[in-house]
Amino acid sequence: MKINKTAEPNNMMEILVEAIKREQESYDYYYRASLQAAKPATRKMLLTLAEWEKGHIDELTNHVMELKAQMEIDRAITGGL
C-alpha cells in the first residue's frame, strides 16, 4: 500500500477546496494592501484585484456545489457503491 506523504490533493474535491483557500488568501492580501495604499489609483487597482479573486472564489464554489450534486446522483444510481 502506497502512502501519500505529500500534501498534494488526491481528488477533484480536494483540488477545488484548496483552490478556494488560495483564492481567499489572495483576496485577503489584495484587500489588506488596498487599505495601506497611499494613492487612490493604487487602492482602486488593488480592490479590483481583490474583486477578481472573489469572483474566482464564487466560480470555484459553484464547481464544488456541482460536484457534490453529481456525487449524490452517482450515489443514488449506484446505491452507494
PDB file of N, CA and C in Angstrom:
ATOM      1  N   MET A   1       0.838  -1.179   0.000  1.00  0.00           N
ATOM      2  CA  MET A   1       0.000   0.000   0.000  1.00  0.00           C
ATOM      3  C   MET A   1       0.878   1.235   0.000  1.00  0.00           C
ATOM      4  N   LYS A   2       0.625   2.118  -0.958  1.00  0.00           N
ATOM      5  CA  LYS A   2       1.400   3.347  -1.065  1.00  0.00           C
ATOM      6  C   LYS A   2       0.763   4.431  -0.203  1.00  0.00           C
ATOM      7  N   ILE A   3       1.574   5.051   0.620  1.00  0.00           N
ATOM      8  CA  ILE A   3       1.094   6.122   1.488  1.00  0.00           C
ATOM      9  C   ILE A   3       1.493   7.450   0.871  1.00  0.00           C
ATOM     10  N   ASN A   4       0.525   8.332   0.711  1.00  0.00           N
ATOM     11  CA  ASN A   4       0.768   9.653   0.143  1.00  0.00           C
ATOM     12  C   ASN A   4       1.320  10.553   1.239  1.00  0.00           C
ATOM     13  N   LYS A   5       2.619  10.830   1.197  1.00  0.00           N
ATOM     14  CA  LYS A   5       3.263  11.637   2.234  1.00  0.00           C
ATOM     15  C   LYS A   5       3.261  13.123   1.904  1.00  0.00           C
ATOM     16  N   THR A   6       2.854  13.471   0.685  1.00  0.00           N
ATOM     17  CA  THR A   6       2.815  14.877   0.304  1.00  0.00           C
ATOM     18  C   THR A   6       1.457  15.459   0.648  1.00  0.00           C
ATOM     19  N   ALA A   7       1.390  16.767   0.612  1.00  0.00           N
ATOM     20  CA  ALA A   7       0.137  17.448   0.897  1.00  0.00           C
ATOM     21  C   ALA A   7      -0.648  17.691  -0.397  1.00  0.00           C
ATOM     22  N   GLU A   8      -0.302  16.959  -1.442  1.00  0.00           N
ATOM     23  CA  GLU A   8      -0.981  17.144  -2.713  1.00  0.00           C
ATOM     24  C   GLU A   8      -2.393  16.564  -2.642  1.00  0.00           C
ATOM     25  N   PRO A   9      -3.325  17.226  -3.317  1.00  0.00           N
ATOM     26  CA  PRO A   9      -4.709  16.734  -3.296  1.00  0.00           C
ATOM     27  C   PRO A   9      -4.840  15.411  -4.039  1.00  0.00           C
ATOM     28  N   ASN A  10      -5.786  14.597  -3.586  1.00  0.00           N
ATOM     29  CA  ASN A  10      -5.996  13.279  -4.169  1.00  0.00           C
ATOM     30  C   ASN A  10      -7.167  13.225  -5.134  1.00  0.00           C
ATOM     31  N   ASN A  11      -8.076  14.176  -5.040  1.00  0.00           N
ATOM     32  CA  ASN A  11      -9.253  14.124  -5.901  1.00  0.00           C
ATOM     33  C   ASN A  11      -9.729  15.535  -6.235  1.00  0.00           C
ATOM     34  N   MET A  12     -10.695  15.603  -7.124  1.00  0.00           N
ATOM     35  CA  MET A  12     -11.175  16.892  -7.604  1.00  0.00           C
ATOM     36  C   MET A  12     -11.710  17.767  -6.475  1.00  0.00           C
ATOM     37  N   MET A  13     -12.417  17.181  -5.521  1.00  0.00           N
ATOM     38  CA  MET A  13     -12.967  17.975  -4.423  1.00  0.00           C
ATOM     39  C   MET A  13     -11.838  18.623  -3.616  1.00  0.00           C
ATOM     40  N   GLU A  14     -10.801  17.864  -3.328  1.00  0.00           N
ATOM     41  CA  GLU A  14      -9.660  18.425  -2.590  1.00  0.00           C
ATOM     42  C   GLU A  14      -8.988  19.543  -3.383  1.00  0.00           C
ATOM     43  N   ILE A  15      -8.887  19.371  -4.693  1.00  0.00           N
ATOM     44  CA  ILE A  15      -8.282  20.400  -5.543  1.00  0.00           C
ATOM     45  C   ILE A  15      -9.103  21.679  -5.467  1.00  0.00           C
ATOM     46  N   LEU A  16     -10.412  21.551  -5.592  1.00  0.00           N
ATOM     47  CA  LEU A  16     -11.281  22.731  -5.553  1.00  0.00           C
ATOM     48  C   LEU A  16     -11.245  23.423  -4.198  1.00  0.00           C
ATOM     49  N   VAL A  17     -11.259  22.640  -3.124  1.00  0.00           N
ATOM     50  CA  VAL A  17     -11.225  23.224  -1.776  1.00  0.00           C
ATOM     51  C   VAL A  17      -9.904  23.964  -1.562  1.00  0.00           C
ATOM     52  N   GLU A  18      -8.809  23.372  -1.994  1.00  0.00           N
ATOM     53  CA  GLU A  18      -7.504  24.031  -1.875  1.00  0.00           C
ATOM     54  C   GLU A  18      -7.457  25.299  -2.727  1.00  0.00           C
ATOM     55  N   ALA A  19      -8.021  25.244  -3.907  1.00  0.00           N
ATOM     56  CA  ALA A  19      -8.042  26.416  -4.780  1.00  0.00           C
ATOM     57  C   ALA A  19      -8.841  27.554  -4.143  1.00  0.00           C
ATOM     58  N   ILE A  20      -9.958  27.233  -3.527  1.00  0.00           N
ATOM     59  CA  ILE A  20     -10.765  28.250  -2.843  1.00  0.00           C
ATOM     60  C   ILE A  20      -9.960  28.878  -1.716  1.00  0.00           C
ATOM     61  N   LYS A  21      -9.257  28.054  -0.970  1.00  0.00           N
ATOM     62  CA  LYS A  21      -8.439  28.552   0.132  1.00  0.00           C
ATOM     63  C   LYS A  21      -7.374  29.533  -0.386  1.00  0.00           C
ATOM     64  N   ARG A  22      -6.740  29.173  -1.487  1.00  0.00           N
ATOM     65  CA  ARG A  22      -5.690  30.043  -2.045  1.00  0.00           C
ATOM     66  C   ARG A  22      -6.265  31.331  -2.617  1.00  0.00           C
ATOM     67  N   GLU A  23      -7.422  31.239  -3.243  1.00  0.00           N
ATOM     68  CA  GLU A  23      -8.068  32.452  -3.753  1.00  0.00           C
ATOM     69  C   GLU A  23      -8.457  33.373  -2.597  1.00  0.00           C
ATOM     70  N   GLN A  24      -8.918  32.790  -1.497  1.00  0.00           N
ATOM     71  CA  GLN A  24      -9.267  33.595  -0.320  1.00  0.00           C
ATOM     72  C   GLN A  24      -8.034  34.296   0.239  1.00  0.00           C
ATOM     73  N   GLU A  25      -6.917  33.597   0.280  1.00  0.00           N
ATOM     74  CA  GLU A  25      -5.668  34.208   0.746  1.00  0.00           C
ATOM     75  C   GLU A  25      -5.262  35.367  -0.161  1.00  0.00           C
ATOM     76  N   SER A  26      -5.426  35.190  -1.459  1.00  0.00           N
ATOM     77  CA  SER A  26      -5.099  36.263  -2.406  1.00  0.00           C
ATOM     78  C   SER A  26      -6.028  37.449  -2.219  1.00  0.00           C
ATOM     79  N   TYR A  27      -7.320  37.157  -2.049  1.00  0.00           N
ATOM     80  CA  TYR A  27      -8.281  38.230  -1.802  1.00  0.00           C
ATOM     81  C   TYR A  27      -7.879  39.022  -0.561  1.00  0.00           C
ATOM     82  N   ASP A  28      -7.607  38.312   0.517  1.00  0.00           N
ATOM     83  CA  ASP A  28      -7.225  38.967   1.771  1.00  0.00           C
ATOM     84  C   ASP A  28      -5.976  39.822   1.578  1.00  0.00           C
ATOM     85  N   TYR A  29      -5.005  39.306   0.843  1.00  0.00           N
ATOM     86  CA  TYR A  29      -3.751  40.024   0.599  1.00  0.00           C
ATOM     87  C   TYR A  29      -4.020  41.334  -0.142  1.00  0.00           C
ATOM     88  N   TYR A  30      -4.749  41.253  -1.250  1.00  0.00           N
ATOM     89  CA  TYR A  30      -5.028  42.460  -2.031  1.00  0.00           C
ATOM     90  C   TYR A  30      -5.868  43.456  -1.240  1.00  0.00           C
ATOM     91  N   TYR A  31      -6.844  42.946  -0.491  1.00  0.00           N
ATOM     92  CA  TYR A  31      -7.699  43.845   0.272  1.00  0.00           C
ATOM     93  C   TYR A  31      -6.897  44.571   1.360  1.00  0.00           C
ATOM     94  N   ARG A  32      -6.082  43.819   2.093  1.00  0.00           N
ATOM     95  CA  ARG A  32      -5.248  44.457   3.135  1.00  0.00           C
ATOM     96  C   ARG A  32      -4.289  45.471   2.522  1.00  0.00           C
ATOM     97  N   ALA A  33      -3.717  45.116   1.383  1.00  0.00           N
ATOM     98  CA  ALA A  33      -2.802  46.046   0.709  1.00  0.00           C
ATOM     99  C   ALA A  33      -3.538  47.308   0.287  1.00  0.00           C
ATOM    100  N   SER A  34      -4.784  47.174  -0.142  1.00  0.00           N
ATOM    101  CA  SER A  34      -5.548  48.359  -0.568  1.00  0.00           C
ATOM    102  C   SER A  34      -5.776  49.321   0.590  1.00  0.00           C
ATOM    103  N   LEU A  35      -5.914  48.776   1.785  1.00  0.00           N
ATOM    104  CA  LEU A  35      -6.125  49.618   2.959  1.00  0.00           C
ATOM    105  C   LEU A  35      -4.889  50.439   3.299  1.00  0.00           C
ATOM    106  N   GLN A  36      -3.732  49.962   2.860  1.00  0.00           N
ATOM    107  CA  GLN A  36      -2.484  50.658   3.152  1.00  0.00           C
ATOM    108  C   GLN A  36      -2.002  51.522   1.992  1.00  0.00           C
ATOM    109  N   ALA A  37      -2.674  51.434   0.859  1.00  0.00           N
ATOM    110  CA  ALA A  37      -2.238  52.179  -0.323  1.00  0.00           C
ATOM    111  C   ALA A  37      -2.417  53.683  -0.113  1.00  0.00           C
ATOM    112  N   ALA A  38      -1.381  54.421  -0.456  1.00  0.00           N
ATOM    113  CA  ALA A  38      -1.422  55.870  -0.298  1.00  0.00           C
ATOM    114  C   ALA A  38      -2.124  56.554  -1.466  1.00  0.00           C
ATOM    115  N   LYS A  39      -1.947  56.013  -2.652  1.00  0.00           N
ATOM    116  CA  LYS A  39      -2.520  56.636  -3.848  1.00  0.00           C
ATOM    117  C   LYS A  39      -3.883  56.015  -4.171  1.00  0.00           C
ATOM    118  N   PRO A  40      -4.853  56.856  -4.504  1.00  0.00           N
ATOM    119  CA  PRO A  40      -6.183  56.342  -4.858  1.00  0.00           C
ATOM    120  C   PRO A  40      -6.156  55.356  -6.036  1.00  0.00           C
ATOM    121  N   ALA A  41      -5.307  55.619  -7.031  1.00  0.00           N
ATOM    122  CA  ALA A  41      -5.238  54.719  -8.189  1.00  0.00           C
ATOM    123  C   ALA A  41      -4.715  53.342  -7.772  1.00  0.00           C
ATOM    124  N   THR A  42      -3.757  53.325  -6.869  1.00  0.00           N
ATOM    125  CA  THR A  42      -3.225  52.057  -6.378  1.00  0.00           C
ATOM    126  C   THR A  42      -4.288  51.323  -5.587  1.00  0.00           C
ATOM    127  N   ARG A  43      -4.996  52.051  -4.732  1.00  0.00           N
ATOM    128  CA  ARG A  43      -6.076  51.462  -3.925  1.00  0.00           C
ATOM    129  C   ARG A  43      -7.139  50.858  -4.837  1.00  0.00           C
ATOM    130  N   LYS A  44      -7.498  51.601  -5.884  1.00  0.00           N
ATOM    131  CA  LYS A  44      -8.514  51.120  -6.812  1.00  0.00           C
ATOM    132  C   LYS A  44      -8.061  49.841  -7.507  1.00  0.00           C
ATOM    133  N   MET A  45      -6.822  49.805  -7.964  1.00  0.00           N
ATOM    134  CA  MET A  45      -6.302  48.616  -8.647  1.00  0.00           C
ATOM    135  C   MET A  45      -6.296  47.412  -7.708  1.00  0.00           C
ATOM    136  N   LEU A  46      -5.855  47.616  -6.476  1.00  0.00           N
ATOM    137  CA  LEU A  46      -5.808  46.518  -5.513  1.00  0.00           C
ATOM    138  C   LEU A  46      -7.207  46.003  -5.175  1.00  0.00           C
ATOM    139  N   LEU A  47      -8.162  46.906  -5.071  1.00  0.00           N
ATOM    140  CA  LEU A  47      -9.535  46.481  -4.814  1.00  0.00           C
ATOM    141  C   LEU A  47     -10.115  45.738  -6.015  1.00  0.00           C
ATOM    142  N   THR A  48      -9.730  46.159  -7.214  1.00  0.00           N
ATOM    143  CA  THR A  48     -10.153  45.441  -8.416  1.00  0.00           C
ATOM    144  C   THR A  48      -9.599  44.022  -8.414  1.00  0.00           C
ATOM    145  N   LEU A  49      -8.319  43.895  -8.080  1.00  0.00           N
ATOM    146  CA  LEU A  49      -7.714  42.565  -7.995  1.00  0.00           C
ATOM    147  C   LEU A  49      -8.408  41.712  -6.934  1.00  0.00           C
ATOM    148  N   ALA A  50      -8.731  42.324  -5.804  1.00  0.00           N
ATOM    149  CA  ALA A  50      -9.432  41.598  -4.740  1.00  0.00           C
ATOM    150  C   ALA A  50     -10.791  41.101  -5.241  1.00  0.00           C
ATOM    151  N   GLU A  51     -11.488  41.941  -5.985  1.00  0.00           N
ATOM    152  CA  GLU A  51     -12.793  41.541  -6.514  1.00  0.00           C
ATOM    153  C   GLU A  51     -12.662  40.410  -7.527  1.00  0.00           C
ATOM    154  N   TRP A  52     -11.610  40.423  -8.327  1.00  0.00           N
ATOM    155  CA  TRP A  52     -11.377  39.311  -9.257  1.00  0.00           C
ATOM    156  C   TRP A  52     -11.212  38.011  -8.490  1.00  0.00           C
ATOM    157  N   GLU A  53     -10.444  38.080  -7.397  1.00  0.00           N
ATOM    158  CA  GLU A  53     -10.239  36.881  -6.579  1.00  0.00           C
ATOM    159  C   GLU A  53     -11.574  36.403  -6.004  1.00  0.00           C
ATOM    160  N   LYS A  54     -12.401  37.350  -5.598  1.00  0.00           N
ATOM    161  CA  LYS A  54     -13.719  36.992  -5.060  1.00  0.00           C
ATOM    162  C   LYS A  54     -14.551  36.300  -6.137  1.00  0.00           C
ATOM    163  N   GLY A  55     -14.443  36.772  -7.374  1.00  0.00           N
ATOM    164  CA  GLY A  55     -15.135  36.121  -8.482  1.00  0.00           C
ATOM    165  C   GLY A  55     -14.638  34.692  -8.689  1.00  0.00           C
ATOM    166  N   HIS A  56     -13.328  34.504  -8.531  1.00  0.00           N
ATOM    167  CA  HIS A  56     -12.758  33.156  -8.643  1.00  0.00           C
ATOM    168  C   HIS A  56     -13.314  32.255  -7.546  1.00  0.00           C
ATOM    169  N   ILE A  57     -13.434  32.803  -6.333  1.00  0.00           N
ATOM    170  CA  ILE A  57     -13.983  32.035  -5.206  1.00  0.00           C
ATOM    171  C   ILE A  57     -15.417  31.603  -5.528  1.00  0.00           C
ATOM    172  N   ASP A  58     -16.198  32.532  -6.043  1.00  0.00           N
ATOM    173  CA  ASP A  58     -17.587  32.219  -6.388  1.00  0.00           C
ATOM    174  C   ASP A  58     -17.648  31.121  -7.449  1.00  0.00           C
ATOM    175  N   GLU A  59     -16.810  31.238  -8.474  1.00  0.00           N
ATOM    176  CA  GLU A  59     -16.778  30.243  -9.550  1.00  0.00           C
ATOM    177  C   GLU A  59     -16.387  28.862  -9.017  1.00  0.00           C
ATOM    178  N   LEU A  60     -15.349  28.828  -8.202  1.00  0.00           N
ATOM    179  CA  LEU A  60     -14.901  27.549  -7.642  1.00  0.00           C
ATOM    180  C   LEU A  60     -15.947  26.951  -6.706  1.00  0.00           C
ATOM    181  N   THR A  61     -16.623  27.806  -5.945  1.00  0.00           N
ATOM    182  CA  THR A  61     -17.677  27.343  -5.045  1.00  0.00           C
ATOM    183  C   THR A  61     -18.814  26.715  -5.848  1.00  0.00           C
ATOM    184  N   ASN A  62     -19.134  27.316  -6.985  1.00  0.00           N
ATOM    185  CA  ASN A  62     -20.158  26.734  -7.854  1.00  0.00           C
ATOM    186  C   ASN A  62     -19.733  25.349  -8.343  1.00  0.00           C
ATOM    187  N   HIS A  63     -18.456  25.199  -8.688  1.00  0.00           N
ATOM    188  CA  HIS A  63     -17.958  23.896  -9.121  1.00  0.00           C
ATOM    189  C   HIS A  63     -18.063  22.862  -7.995  1.00  0.00           C
ATOM    190  N   VAL A  64     -17.781  23.288  -6.773  1.00  0.00           N
ATOM    191  CA  VAL A  64     -17.908  22.380  -5.623  1.00  0.00           C
ATOM    192  C   VAL A  64     -19.359  21.929  -5.481  1.00  0.00           C
ATOM    193  N   MET A  65     -20.279  22.861  -5.597  1.00  0.00           N
ATOM    194  CA  MET A  65     -21.694  22.518  -5.466  1.00  0.00           C
ATOM    195  C   MET A  65     -22.128  21.564  -6.576  1.00  0.00           C
ATOM    196  N   GLU A  66     -21.655  21.811  -7.795  1.00  0.00           N
ATOM    197  CA  GLU A  66     -21.980  20.918  -8.916  1.00  0.00           C
ATOM    198  C   GLU A  66     -21.405  19.522  -8.686  1.00  0.00           C
ATOM    199  N   LEU A  67     -20.179  19.476  -8.195  1.00  0.00           N
ATOM    200  CA  LEU A  67     -19.534  18.191  -7.939  1.00  0.00           C
ATOM    201  C   LEU A  67     -20.270  17.420  -6.853  1.00  0.00           C
ATOM    202  N   LYS A  68     -20.681  18.118  -5.792  1.00  0.00           N
ATOM    203  CA  LYS A  68     -21.436  17.461  -4.717  1.00  0.00           C
ATOM    204  C   LYS A  68     -22.762  16.922  -5.244  1.00  0.00           C
ATOM    205  N   ALA A  69     -23.423  17.705  -6.087  1.00  0.00           N
ATOM    206  CA  ALA A  69     -24.695  17.259  -6.657  1.00  0.00           C
ATOM    207  C   ALA A  69     -24.478  16.018  -7.521  1.00  0.00           C
ATOM    208  N   GLN A  70     -23.411  16.025  -8.320  1.00  0.00           N
ATOM    209  CA  GLN A  70     -23.118  14.868  -9.160  1.00  0.00           C
ATOM    210  C   GLN A  70     -22.790  13.644  -8.316  1.00  0.00           C
ATOM    211  N   MET A  71     -22.083  13.848  -7.223  1.00  0.00           N
ATOM    212  CA  MET A  71     -21.752  12.732  -6.328  1.00  0.00           C
ATOM    213  C   MET A  71     -23.027  12.135  -5.741  1.00  0.00           C
ATOM    214  N   GLU A  72     -23.993  12.983  -5.389  1.00  0.00           N
ATOM    215  CA  GLU A  72     -25.274  12.488  -4.853  1.00  0.00           C
ATOM    216  C   GLU A  72     -26.033  11.691  -5.912  1.00  0.00           C
ATOM    217  N   ILE A  73     -26.017  12.187  -7.131  1.00  0.00           N
ATOM    218  CA  ILE A  73     -26.669  11.476  -8.222  1.00  0.00           C
ATOM    219  C   ILE A  73     -26.023  10.118  -8.427  1.00  0.00           C
ATOM    220  N   ASP A  74     -24.676  10.112  -8.452  1.00  0.00           N
ATOM    221  CA  ASP A  74     -23.950   8.858  -8.624  1.00  0.00           C
ATOM    222  C   ASP A  74     -24.273   7.861  -7.509  1.00  0.00           C
ATOM    223  N   ARG A  75     -24.350   8.364  -6.262  1.00  0.00           N
ATOM    224  CA  ARG A  75     -24.679   7.505  -5.124  1.00  0.00           C
ATOM    225  C   ARG A  75     -26.091   6.923  -5.261  1.00  0.00           C
ATOM    226  N   ALA A  76     -27.018   7.768  -5.724  1.00  0.00           N
ATOM    227  CA  ALA A  76     -28.399   7.305  -5.882  1.00  0.00           C
ATOM    228  C   ALA A  76     -28.491   6.244  -6.970  1.00  0.00           C
ATOM    229  N   ILE A  77     -27.735   6.422  -8.037  1.00  0.00           N
ATOM    230  CA  ILE A  77     -27.770   5.462  -9.142  1.00  0.00           C
ATOM    231  C   ILE A  77     -27.118   4.145  -8.761  1.00  0.00           C
ATOM    232  N   THR A  78     -25.997   4.233  -8.062  1.00  0.00           N
ATOM    233  CA  THR A  78     -25.240   3.014  -7.738  1.00  0.00           C
ATOM    234  C   THR A  78     -25.649   2.397  -6.411  1.00  0.00           C
ATOM    235  N   GLY A  79     -26.499   3.061  -5.665  1.00  0.00           N
ATOM    236  CA  GLY A  79     -26.888   2.546  -4.345  1.00  0.00           C
ATOM    237  C   GLY A  79     -25.782   2.689  -3.327  1.00  0.00           C
ATOM    238  N   GLY A  80     -24.903   3.674  -3.545  1.00  0.00           N
ATOM    239  CA  GLY A  80     -23.816   3.943  -2.600  1.00  0.00           C
ATOM    240  C   GLY A  80     -22.586   3.112  -2.803  1.00  0.00           C
ATOM    241  N   LEU A  81     -22.500   2.402  -3.905  1.00  0.00           N
ATOM    242  CA  LEU A  81     -21.325   1.564  -4.178  1.00  0.00           C
ATOM    243  C   LEU A  81     -20.162   2.386  -4.643  1.00  0.00           C
TER     244      LEU A  81
END
